[in-house]
């Protein structure tokens, strides 16, 4: 996503619209891959302030993710606003601006950053997803395994039951 700003350099305060539909490489966030289903749509306006270039607009993306409960592939979409500032010279460590070299703004890094910042921490294929059975691993959305009906405790909690004086299936009232 390369934006030629030669025209803007002639007149501070000037602006120009832009629009891109490009396929981005798949992103990886904390081990979870984000595979894009279609080209990412970016549109907005670039304004030359005299010292820097301000880009504002929106990003629309459809992608495939993994449900955090049942591990099924699912489709999701993002429609987010974005804003990025480009300045000449190297990017300082604490700077929120992107470096500008020559007369071309490369929007790809800013767009990828915004997508990564706006991806939900966990994806759910549906709000009522039952997830996987912790005992047998069956997908509870597709089958009832019966493991949930068993009243089994992990041995690591046996000592806790002795300390509290509670036994399986009883509730202690105070």
N, C-alpha and C. Protein backbone atom coordinates (compact mmCIF):
# COMPACT_ATOMS: atom_id res chain seq x y z
N UNK A 1 0.85 -1.17 0.00
CA UNK A 1 0.00 0.00 0.00
C UNK A 1 0.89 1.23 0.00
N UNK A 2 1.25 1.63 -1.18
CA UNK A 2 2.17 2.76 -1.33
C UNK A 2 1.41 3.98 -1.83
N UNK A 3 1.58 5.09 -1.11
CA UNK A 3 0.87 6.32 -1.41
C UNK A 3 1.89 7.38 -1.85
N UNK A 4 1.80 7.82 -3.11
CA UNK A 4 2.71 8.83 -3.64
C UNK A 4 2.25 10.21 -3.15
N UNK A 5 3.12 10.89 -2.40
CA UNK A 5 2.77 12.17 -1.79
C UNK A 5 3.44 13.36 -2.48
N UNK A 6 4.01 13.15 -3.66
CA UNK A 6 4.71 14.22 -4.39
C UNK A 6 3.84 15.47 -4.55
N UNK A 7 2.58 15.26 -4.88
CA UNK A 7 1.65 16.37 -5.09
C UNK A 7 1.42 17.18 -3.81
N UNK A 8 1.38 16.49 -2.66
CA UNK A 8 1.13 17.18 -1.38
C UNK A 8 2.31 18.03 -0.94
N UNK A 9 3.52 17.64 -1.32
CA UNK A 9 4.72 18.37 -0.89
C UNK A 9 4.76 19.80 -1.42
N UNK A 10 4.03 20.06 -2.47
CA UNK A 10 4.03 21.39 -3.09
C UNK A 10 3.25 22.42 -2.28
N UNK A 11 2.30 21.94 -1.46
CA UNK A 11 1.43 22.89 -0.75
C UNK A 11 1.06 22.39 0.65
N UNK A 12 1.72 22.95 1.70
CA UNK A 12 1.34 22.56 3.07
C UNK A 12 -0.15 22.84 3.32
N UNK A 13 -0.78 21.94 4.02
CA UNK A 13 -2.21 22.05 4.29
C UNK A 13 -3.06 21.31 3.28
N UNK A 14 -2.46 20.87 2.20
CA UNK A 14 -3.23 20.16 1.18
C UNK A 14 -3.48 18.71 1.60
N UNK A 15 -4.47 18.10 0.99
CA UNK A 15 -4.80 16.71 1.32
C UNK A 15 -5.23 15.98 0.06
N UNK A 16 -5.23 14.67 0.15
CA UNK A 16 -5.69 13.86 -0.98
C UNK A 16 -6.28 12.55 -0.45
N UNK A 17 -7.34 12.09 -1.09
CA UNK A 17 -7.95 10.83 -0.68
C UNK A 17 -7.15 9.64 -1.23
N UNK A 18 -7.31 8.49 -0.58
CA UNK A 18 -6.69 7.26 -1.07
C UNK A 18 -7.60 6.08 -0.78
N UNK A 19 -7.42 5.03 -1.55
CA UNK A 19 -8.18 3.79 -1.35
C UNK A 19 -7.36 2.63 -1.90
N UNK A 20 -7.24 1.57 -1.09
CA UNK A 20 -6.50 0.38 -1.49
C UNK A 20 -7.32 -0.86 -1.16
N UNK A 21 -7.19 -1.86 -1.98
CA UNK A 21 -7.69 -3.21 -1.71
C UNK A 21 -6.53 -4.13 -2.02
N UNK A 22 -5.88 -4.60 -0.96
CA UNK A 22 -4.69 -5.42 -1.16
C UNK A 22 -4.70 -6.62 -0.24
N UNK A 23 -4.12 -7.68 -0.75
CA UNK A 23 -3.96 -8.89 0.04
C UNK A 23 -2.76 -8.71 0.96
N UNK A 24 -2.99 -8.86 2.26
CA UNK A 24 -1.90 -8.77 3.23
C UNK A 24 -1.42 -10.17 3.57
N UNK A 25 -0.18 -10.26 3.96
CA UNK A 25 0.33 -11.53 4.45
C UNK A 25 -0.41 -11.86 5.73
N UNK A 26 -0.53 -13.14 6.03
CA UNK A 26 -1.20 -13.54 7.25
C UNK A 26 -0.43 -13.01 8.45
N UNK A 27 -1.18 -12.56 9.46
CA UNK A 27 -0.57 -12.01 10.66
C UNK A 27 -0.55 -13.06 11.76
N UNK A 28 0.37 -12.91 12.69
CA UNK A 28 0.49 -13.84 13.81
C UNK A 28 0.51 -13.04 15.10
N UNK A 29 -0.43 -13.32 15.99
CA UNK A 29 -0.52 -12.61 17.26
C UNK A 29 -0.55 -13.63 18.39
N UNK A 30 0.53 -13.71 19.13
CA UNK A 30 0.59 -14.62 20.27
C UNK A 30 0.36 -16.06 19.89
N UNK A 31 0.86 -16.48 18.74
CA UNK A 31 0.70 -17.85 18.31
C UNK A 31 -0.57 -18.12 17.54
N UNK A 32 -1.49 -17.15 17.51
CA UNK A 32 -2.73 -17.34 16.76
C UNK A 32 -2.59 -16.65 15.41
N UNK A 33 -2.83 -17.43 14.35
CA UNK A 33 -2.74 -16.89 13.00
C UNK A 33 -4.03 -16.21 12.59
N UNK A 34 -3.87 -15.17 11.81
CA UNK A 34 -5.00 -14.45 11.27
C UNK A 34 -4.87 -14.55 9.75
N UNK A 35 -5.68 -15.42 9.13
CA UNK A 35 -5.65 -15.64 7.69
C UNK A 35 -6.74 -14.81 7.04
N UNK A 36 -6.37 -13.91 6.15
CA UNK A 36 -7.35 -13.04 5.50
C UNK A 36 -8.11 -13.79 4.42
N UNK A 37 -9.43 -13.64 4.43
CA UNK A 37 -10.30 -14.30 3.47
C UNK A 37 -10.37 -13.56 2.14
N UNK A 38 -10.08 -12.28 2.17
CA UNK A 38 -10.17 -11.43 0.98
C UNK A 38 -9.22 -10.26 1.16
N UNK A 39 -9.00 -9.49 0.10
CA UNK A 39 -8.11 -8.32 0.25
C UNK A 39 -8.63 -7.35 1.32
N UNK A 40 -7.70 -6.75 2.03
CA UNK A 40 -8.04 -5.77 3.06
C UNK A 40 -8.36 -4.45 2.36
N UNK A 41 -9.45 -3.82 2.78
CA UNK A 41 -9.89 -2.56 2.17
C UNK A 41 -9.51 -1.41 3.10
N UNK A 42 -8.70 -0.49 2.58
CA UNK A 42 -8.24 0.68 3.34
C UNK A 42 -8.60 1.92 2.54
N UNK A 43 -9.28 2.86 3.19
CA UNK A 43 -9.58 4.11 2.52
C UNK A 43 -9.46 5.25 3.52
N UNK A 44 -9.12 6.43 3.00
CA UNK A 44 -8.96 7.56 3.89
C UNK A 44 -8.44 8.79 3.17
N UNK A 45 -7.84 9.68 3.98
CA UNK A 45 -7.31 10.94 3.48
C UNK A 45 -5.93 11.14 4.06
N UNK A 46 -5.01 11.65 3.26
CA UNK A 46 -3.66 12.00 3.71
C UNK A 46 -3.54 13.52 3.64
N UNK A 47 -3.09 14.13 4.74
CA UNK A 47 -2.94 15.57 4.79
C UNK A 47 -1.51 15.94 5.14
N UNK A 48 -0.96 16.91 4.41
CA UNK A 48 0.40 17.40 4.67
C UNK A 48 0.28 18.61 5.60
N UNK A 49 0.89 18.51 6.78
CA UNK A 49 0.79 19.59 7.76
C UNK A 49 1.93 20.59 7.64
N UNK A 50 2.89 20.32 6.79
CA UNK A 50 4.06 21.17 6.66
C UNK A 50 5.29 20.50 7.26
N UNK A 51 5.08 19.70 8.30
CA UNK A 51 6.17 18.97 8.94
C UNK A 51 5.98 17.46 8.85
N UNK A 52 4.73 17.05 8.81
CA UNK A 52 4.44 15.61 8.79
C UNK A 52 3.21 15.36 7.92
N UNK A 53 2.92 14.08 7.75
CA UNK A 53 1.76 13.66 6.97
C UNK A 53 0.83 12.88 7.87
N UNK A 54 -0.41 13.31 7.94
CA UNK A 54 -1.42 12.66 8.77
C UNK A 54 -2.34 11.86 7.86
N UNK A 55 -2.43 10.56 8.13
CA UNK A 55 -3.35 9.70 7.38
C UNK A 55 -4.47 9.27 8.33
N UNK A 56 -5.68 9.42 7.88
CA UNK A 56 -6.85 9.00 8.65
C UNK A 56 -7.79 8.26 7.71
N UNK A 57 -8.45 7.25 8.26
CA UNK A 57 -9.39 6.51 7.43
C UNK A 57 -9.96 5.32 8.15
N UNK A 58 -10.33 4.31 7.35
CA UNK A 58 -10.91 3.09 7.91
C UNK A 58 -10.28 1.86 7.26
N UNK A 59 -10.32 0.78 8.01
CA UNK A 59 -9.79 -0.51 7.55
C UNK A 59 -10.91 -1.53 7.69
N UNK A 60 -11.16 -2.28 6.63
CA UNK A 60 -12.14 -3.36 6.67
C UNK A 60 -11.43 -4.65 6.26
N UNK A 61 -11.60 -5.68 7.09
CA UNK A 61 -10.93 -6.95 6.82
C UNK A 61 -11.82 -8.11 7.26
N UNK A 62 -11.82 -9.17 6.45
CA UNK A 62 -12.47 -10.44 6.82
C UNK A 62 -11.36 -11.46 6.95
N UNK A 63 -11.42 -12.26 8.01
CA UNK A 63 -10.35 -13.21 8.26
C UNK A 63 -10.87 -14.48 8.91
N UNK A 64 -10.05 -15.51 8.88
CA UNK A 64 -10.36 -16.77 9.52
C UNK A 64 -9.55 -16.86 10.80
N UNK A 65 -10.21 -17.25 11.87
CA UNK A 65 -9.56 -17.40 13.17
C UNK A 65 -10.00 -18.73 13.78
N UNK A 66 -9.49 -19.04 14.95
CA UNK A 66 -9.83 -20.28 15.65
C UNK A 66 -10.64 -19.94 16.89
N UNK A 67 -11.77 -20.62 17.07
CA UNK A 67 -12.59 -20.42 18.26
C UNK A 67 -11.78 -20.81 19.50
N UNK A 68 -11.81 -19.96 20.50
CA UNK A 68 -11.04 -20.20 21.72
C UNK A 68 -11.61 -21.32 22.58
N UNK A 69 -12.85 -21.69 22.37
CA UNK A 69 -13.46 -22.74 23.19
C UNK A 69 -13.45 -24.11 22.51
N UNK A 70 -13.83 -24.16 21.23
CA UNK A 70 -13.97 -25.47 20.58
C UNK A 70 -12.92 -25.72 19.51
N UNK A 71 -12.06 -24.77 19.24
CA UNK A 71 -10.97 -24.82 18.27
C UNK A 71 -11.43 -24.96 16.81
N UNK A 72 -12.68 -24.68 16.52
CA UNK A 72 -13.17 -24.73 15.14
C UNK A 72 -12.74 -23.46 14.41
N UNK A 73 -12.50 -23.60 13.10
CA UNK A 73 -12.22 -22.42 12.29
C UNK A 73 -13.50 -21.60 12.17
N UNK A 74 -13.36 -20.30 12.18
CA UNK A 74 -14.51 -19.41 12.09
C UNK A 74 -14.13 -18.17 11.31
N UNK A 75 -15.12 -17.48 10.79
CA UNK A 75 -14.88 -16.26 10.04
C UNK A 75 -15.27 -15.07 10.90
N UNK A 76 -14.46 -14.02 10.82
CA UNK A 76 -14.72 -12.80 11.57
C UNK A 76 -14.37 -11.60 10.69
N UNK A 77 -14.82 -10.44 11.10
CA UNK A 77 -14.49 -9.24 10.33
C UNK A 77 -14.18 -8.08 11.28
N UNK A 78 -13.42 -7.15 10.77
CA UNK A 78 -13.08 -5.93 11.49
C UNK A 78 -13.43 -4.75 10.59
N UNK A 79 -13.98 -3.72 11.18
CA UNK A 79 -14.23 -2.45 10.50
C UNK A 79 -13.80 -1.38 11.51
N UNK A 80 -12.57 -0.89 11.35
CA UNK A 80 -11.98 -0.03 12.38
C UNK A 80 -11.44 1.28 11.78
N UNK A 81 -11.49 2.34 12.57
CA UNK A 81 -10.85 3.58 12.12
C UNK A 81 -9.35 3.49 12.36
N UNK A 82 -8.58 4.25 11.63
CA UNK A 82 -7.15 4.30 11.90
C UNK A 82 -6.63 5.71 11.65
N UNK A 83 -5.50 5.97 12.29
CA UNK A 83 -4.81 7.25 12.14
C UNK A 83 -3.32 6.97 12.28
N UNK A 84 -2.52 7.51 11.39
CA UNK A 84 -1.08 7.34 11.46
C UNK A 84 -0.40 8.62 11.01
N UNK A 85 0.73 8.93 11.65
CA UNK A 85 1.52 10.11 11.32
C UNK A 85 2.85 9.64 10.75
N UNK A 86 3.28 10.26 9.67
CA UNK A 86 4.55 9.94 9.02
C UNK A 86 5.44 11.17 9.05
N UNK A 87 6.69 10.98 9.48
CA UNK A 87 7.66 12.07 9.52
C UNK A 87 8.96 11.61 8.89
N UNK A 88 9.74 12.57 8.43
CA UNK A 88 11.05 12.25 7.85
C UNK A 88 12.02 11.88 8.94
N UNK A 89 12.94 10.97 8.61
CA UNK A 89 13.96 10.56 9.57
C UNK A 89 13.61 9.24 10.23
N UNK A 90 14.52 8.77 11.07
CA UNK A 90 14.35 7.48 11.75
C UNK A 90 13.27 7.58 12.82
N UNK A 91 12.60 6.48 13.04
CA UNK A 91 11.55 6.39 14.05
C UNK A 91 12.20 6.21 15.41
N UNK A 92 11.94 7.14 16.34
CA UNK A 92 12.45 7.01 17.69
C UNK A 92 11.69 5.91 18.41
N UNK A 93 12.33 5.34 19.45
CA UNK A 93 11.73 4.21 20.15
C UNK A 93 10.38 4.56 20.76
N UNK A 94 10.23 5.74 21.33
CA UNK A 94 8.97 6.14 21.96
C UNK A 94 8.03 6.87 21.03
N UNK A 95 8.43 7.07 19.79
CA UNK A 95 7.64 7.84 18.84
C UNK A 95 6.43 7.05 18.35
N UNK A 96 5.35 7.78 18.13
CA UNK A 96 4.15 7.15 17.58
C UNK A 96 4.02 7.42 16.09
N UNK A 97 5.07 7.98 15.49
CA UNK A 97 5.02 8.25 14.05
C UNK A 97 5.82 7.20 13.29
N UNK A 98 5.49 7.08 12.02
CA UNK A 98 6.17 6.14 11.14
C UNK A 98 7.18 6.91 10.29
N UNK A 99 8.29 6.28 9.94
CA UNK A 99 9.30 6.99 9.14
C UNK A 99 8.84 7.18 7.69
N UNK A 100 9.29 8.27 7.13
CA UNK A 100 8.96 8.60 5.74
C UNK A 100 10.27 8.74 4.98
N UNK A 101 10.40 7.98 3.92
CA UNK A 101 11.59 8.07 3.07
C UNK A 101 11.14 8.35 1.64
N UNK A 102 11.72 9.38 1.06
CA UNK A 102 11.34 9.74 -0.29
C UNK A 102 9.97 10.38 -0.34
N UNK A 103 9.29 10.18 -1.45
CA UNK A 103 7.98 10.78 -1.66
C UNK A 103 6.86 9.75 -1.65
N UNK A 104 7.08 8.66 -0.92
CA UNK A 104 6.08 7.59 -0.87
C UNK A 104 5.83 7.18 0.58
N UNK A 105 4.57 7.11 0.95
CA UNK A 105 4.18 6.60 2.28
C UNK A 105 3.83 5.13 2.10
N UNK A 106 4.43 4.30 2.90
CA UNK A 106 4.13 2.86 2.91
C UNK A 106 3.15 2.62 4.06
N UNK A 107 1.88 2.40 3.73
CA UNK A 107 0.82 2.26 4.73
C UNK A 107 0.74 0.86 5.35
N UNK A 108 1.38 -0.11 4.76
CA UNK A 108 1.21 -1.50 5.19
C UNK A 108 1.52 -1.71 6.66
N UNK A 109 2.61 -1.14 7.18
CA UNK A 109 2.97 -1.33 8.58
C UNK A 109 1.92 -0.75 9.52
N UNK A 110 1.44 0.46 9.20
CA UNK A 110 0.42 1.10 10.04
C UNK A 110 -0.88 0.30 10.03
N UNK A 111 -1.25 -0.20 8.86
CA UNK A 111 -2.48 -1.00 8.74
C UNK A 111 -2.34 -2.30 9.53
N UNK A 112 -1.21 -2.99 9.40
CA UNK A 112 -0.98 -4.23 10.14
C UNK A 112 -0.99 -3.97 11.64
N UNK A 113 -0.37 -2.87 12.08
CA UNK A 113 -0.38 -2.53 13.51
C UNK A 113 -1.79 -2.33 14.02
N UNK A 114 -2.60 -1.60 13.26
CA UNK A 114 -3.99 -1.35 13.68
C UNK A 114 -4.80 -2.65 13.74
N UNK A 115 -4.60 -3.51 12.75
CA UNK A 115 -5.31 -4.80 12.76
C UNK A 115 -4.92 -5.61 14.00
N UNK A 116 -3.63 -5.69 14.29
CA UNK A 116 -3.17 -6.46 15.45
C UNK A 116 -3.69 -5.88 16.76
N UNK A 117 -3.76 -4.57 16.85
CA UNK A 117 -4.26 -3.92 18.07
C UNK A 117 -5.76 -4.10 18.26
N UNK A 118 -6.48 -4.38 17.19
CA UNK A 118 -7.94 -4.46 17.27
C UNK A 118 -8.51 -5.87 17.18
N UNK A 119 -7.66 -6.85 17.03
CA UNK A 119 -8.14 -8.23 17.01
C UNK A 119 -8.61 -8.60 18.41
N UNK A 120 -9.78 -9.21 18.54
CA UNK A 120 -10.24 -9.64 19.87
C UNK A 120 -9.24 -10.62 20.50
N UNK A 121 -9.10 -10.55 21.81
CA UNK A 121 -8.18 -11.45 22.51
C UNK A 121 -8.61 -12.91 22.33
N UNK A 122 -9.90 -13.14 22.32
CA UNK A 122 -10.43 -14.49 22.13
C UNK A 122 -11.55 -14.42 21.09
N UNK A 123 -11.58 -15.40 20.23
CA UNK A 123 -12.64 -15.50 19.24
C UNK A 123 -13.60 -16.60 19.67
N UNK A 124 -14.89 -16.38 19.46
CA UNK A 124 -15.90 -17.40 19.73
C UNK A 124 -16.70 -17.62 18.46
N UNK A 125 -16.90 -18.89 18.10
CA UNK A 125 -17.67 -19.20 16.89
C UNK A 125 -19.12 -18.80 17.08
N UNK A 126 -19.61 -18.80 18.32
CA UNK A 126 -20.94 -18.30 18.66
C UNK A 126 -20.94 -17.98 20.15
N UNK A 127 -21.80 -17.06 20.58
CA UNK A 127 -21.82 -16.69 22.00
C UNK A 127 -22.14 -17.86 22.93
N UNK A 128 -22.87 -18.86 22.43
CA UNK A 128 -23.23 -20.00 23.27
C UNK A 128 -22.38 -21.23 22.98
N UNK A 129 -21.17 -21.04 22.48
CA UNK A 129 -20.27 -22.17 22.21
C UNK A 129 -20.00 -22.93 23.50
N UNK A 130 -20.15 -24.26 23.44
CA UNK A 130 -19.97 -25.11 24.62
C UNK A 130 -18.52 -25.55 24.83
N UNK A 131 -17.69 -25.39 23.80
CA UNK A 131 -16.28 -25.74 23.91
C UNK A 131 -16.04 -27.23 23.86
N UNK A 132 -14.83 -27.62 24.27
CA UNK A 132 -14.43 -29.03 24.29
C UNK A 132 -14.60 -29.61 25.68
N UNK A 133 -14.92 -30.88 25.75
CA UNK A 133 -15.02 -31.58 27.03
C UNK A 133 -13.61 -31.69 27.62
N UNK A 134 -13.41 -31.29 28.87
CA UNK A 134 -12.08 -31.38 29.47
C UNK A 134 -11.65 -32.82 29.77
N UNK A 135 -12.59 -33.76 29.75
CA UNK A 135 -12.27 -35.15 30.05
C UNK A 135 -11.90 -35.92 28.79
N UNK A 136 -12.81 -35.91 27.78
CA UNK A 136 -12.57 -36.72 26.59
C UNK A 136 -12.19 -35.91 25.36
N UNK A 137 -12.37 -34.58 25.40
CA UNK A 137 -11.98 -33.73 24.28
C UNK A 137 -13.03 -33.60 23.19
N UNK A 138 -14.22 -34.14 23.38
CA UNK A 138 -15.27 -34.06 22.37
C UNK A 138 -15.77 -32.63 22.24
N UNK A 139 -16.17 -32.26 21.03
CA UNK A 139 -16.74 -30.94 20.79
C UNK A 139 -18.18 -30.97 21.30
N UNK A 140 -18.44 -30.25 22.38
CA UNK A 140 -19.77 -30.27 23.01
C UNK A 140 -20.85 -29.62 22.16
N UNK A 141 -20.46 -28.88 21.11
CA UNK A 141 -21.44 -28.30 20.20
C UNK A 141 -22.02 -29.34 19.26
N UNK A 142 -21.28 -30.43 19.04
CA UNK A 142 -21.69 -31.45 18.08
C UNK A 142 -22.18 -32.73 18.73
N UNK A 143 -21.72 -33.02 19.92
CA UNK A 143 -22.09 -34.28 20.56
C UNK A 143 -22.14 -34.12 22.08
N UNK A 144 -22.99 -34.90 22.71
CA UNK A 144 -23.05 -34.96 24.17
C UNK A 144 -22.29 -36.20 24.60
N UNK A 145 -21.15 -36.01 25.23
CA UNK A 145 -20.30 -37.15 25.56
C UNK A 145 -20.68 -37.83 26.87
N UNK A 146 -21.38 -37.14 27.75
CA UNK A 146 -21.76 -37.73 29.03
C UNK A 146 -20.74 -37.53 30.12
N UNK A 147 -19.59 -37.03 29.80
CA UNK A 147 -18.55 -36.83 30.81
C UNK A 147 -18.95 -35.77 31.83
N UNK A 148 -19.72 -34.81 31.42
CA UNK A 148 -20.13 -33.73 32.32
C UNK A 148 -21.08 -34.22 33.39
N UNK A 149 -21.74 -35.39 33.17
CA UNK A 149 -22.66 -35.93 34.15
C UNK A 149 -21.93 -36.62 35.29
N UNK A 150 -20.68 -37.01 35.06
CA UNK A 150 -19.90 -37.67 36.10
C UNK A 150 -19.46 -36.65 37.13
N UNK A 151 -19.43 -37.06 38.36
CA UNK A 151 -19.02 -36.18 39.45
C UNK A 151 -17.64 -36.60 39.92
N UNK A 152 -16.65 -36.34 39.08
CA UNK A 152 -15.28 -36.73 39.40
C UNK A 152 -14.47 -35.51 39.82
N UNK A 153 -13.61 -35.73 40.79
CA UNK A 153 -12.72 -34.67 41.23
C UNK A 153 -11.30 -35.07 40.90
N UNK A 154 -10.50 -34.09 40.61
CA UNK A 154 -9.08 -34.29 40.42
C UNK A 154 -8.49 -34.63 41.79
N UNK A 155 -7.59 -35.61 41.84
CA UNK A 155 -6.98 -36.00 43.11
C UNK A 155 -6.31 -34.84 43.82
N UNK A 156 -5.87 -33.84 43.10
CA UNK A 156 -5.21 -32.71 43.74
C UNK A 156 -6.15 -31.93 44.63
N UNK A 157 -7.45 -32.11 44.46
CA UNK A 157 -8.42 -31.41 45.30
C UNK A 157 -8.91 -32.27 46.46
N UNK A 158 -8.49 -33.50 46.55
CA UNK A 158 -8.94 -34.39 47.62
C UNK A 158 -8.56 -33.83 48.99
N UNK A 159 -7.36 -33.30 49.13
CA UNK A 159 -6.93 -32.73 50.41
C UNK A 159 -7.79 -31.53 50.78
N UNK A 160 -8.16 -30.73 49.80
CA UNK A 160 -9.00 -29.57 50.05
C UNK A 160 -10.36 -30.00 50.59
N UNK A 161 -10.92 -31.09 50.05
CA UNK A 161 -12.19 -31.60 50.54
C UNK A 161 -12.08 -32.03 52.00
N UNK A 162 -10.97 -32.67 52.36
CA UNK A 162 -10.78 -33.09 53.75
C UNK A 162 -10.68 -31.89 54.68
N UNK A 163 -9.97 -30.85 54.25
CA UNK A 163 -9.78 -29.66 55.08
C UNK A 163 -11.11 -28.94 55.31
N UNK A 164 -11.91 -28.80 54.29
CA UNK A 164 -13.16 -28.06 54.41
C UNK A 164 -14.27 -28.91 55.03
N UNK A 165 -14.07 -30.21 55.08
CA UNK A 165 -15.07 -31.08 55.66
C UNK A 165 -16.24 -31.33 54.74
N UNK A 166 -16.14 -30.92 53.49
CA UNK A 166 -17.22 -31.14 52.54
C UNK A 166 -17.00 -32.46 51.82
N UNK A 167 -18.08 -33.07 51.43
CA UNK A 167 -17.97 -34.28 50.64
C UNK A 167 -18.63 -34.03 49.29
N UNK A 168 -18.41 -34.94 48.38
CA UNK A 168 -18.96 -34.77 47.04
C UNK A 168 -20.48 -34.65 47.08
N UNK A 169 -21.00 -33.67 46.33
CA UNK A 169 -22.43 -33.53 46.17
C UNK A 169 -23.14 -32.85 47.30
N UNK A 170 -22.47 -32.37 48.32
CA UNK A 170 -23.14 -31.68 49.41
C UNK A 170 -22.68 -30.25 49.45
N UNK A 171 -23.59 -29.37 49.77
CA UNK A 171 -23.28 -27.96 49.93
C UNK A 171 -23.33 -27.62 51.40
N UNK A 172 -22.30 -26.97 51.87
CA UNK A 172 -22.21 -26.59 53.29
C UNK A 172 -22.86 -25.23 53.46
N UNK A 173 -23.88 -25.16 54.35
CA UNK A 173 -24.55 -23.90 54.62
C UNK A 173 -24.04 -23.33 55.92
N UNK A 174 -23.92 -22.02 55.95
CA UNK A 174 -23.43 -21.37 57.19
C UNK A 174 -24.55 -20.68 57.88
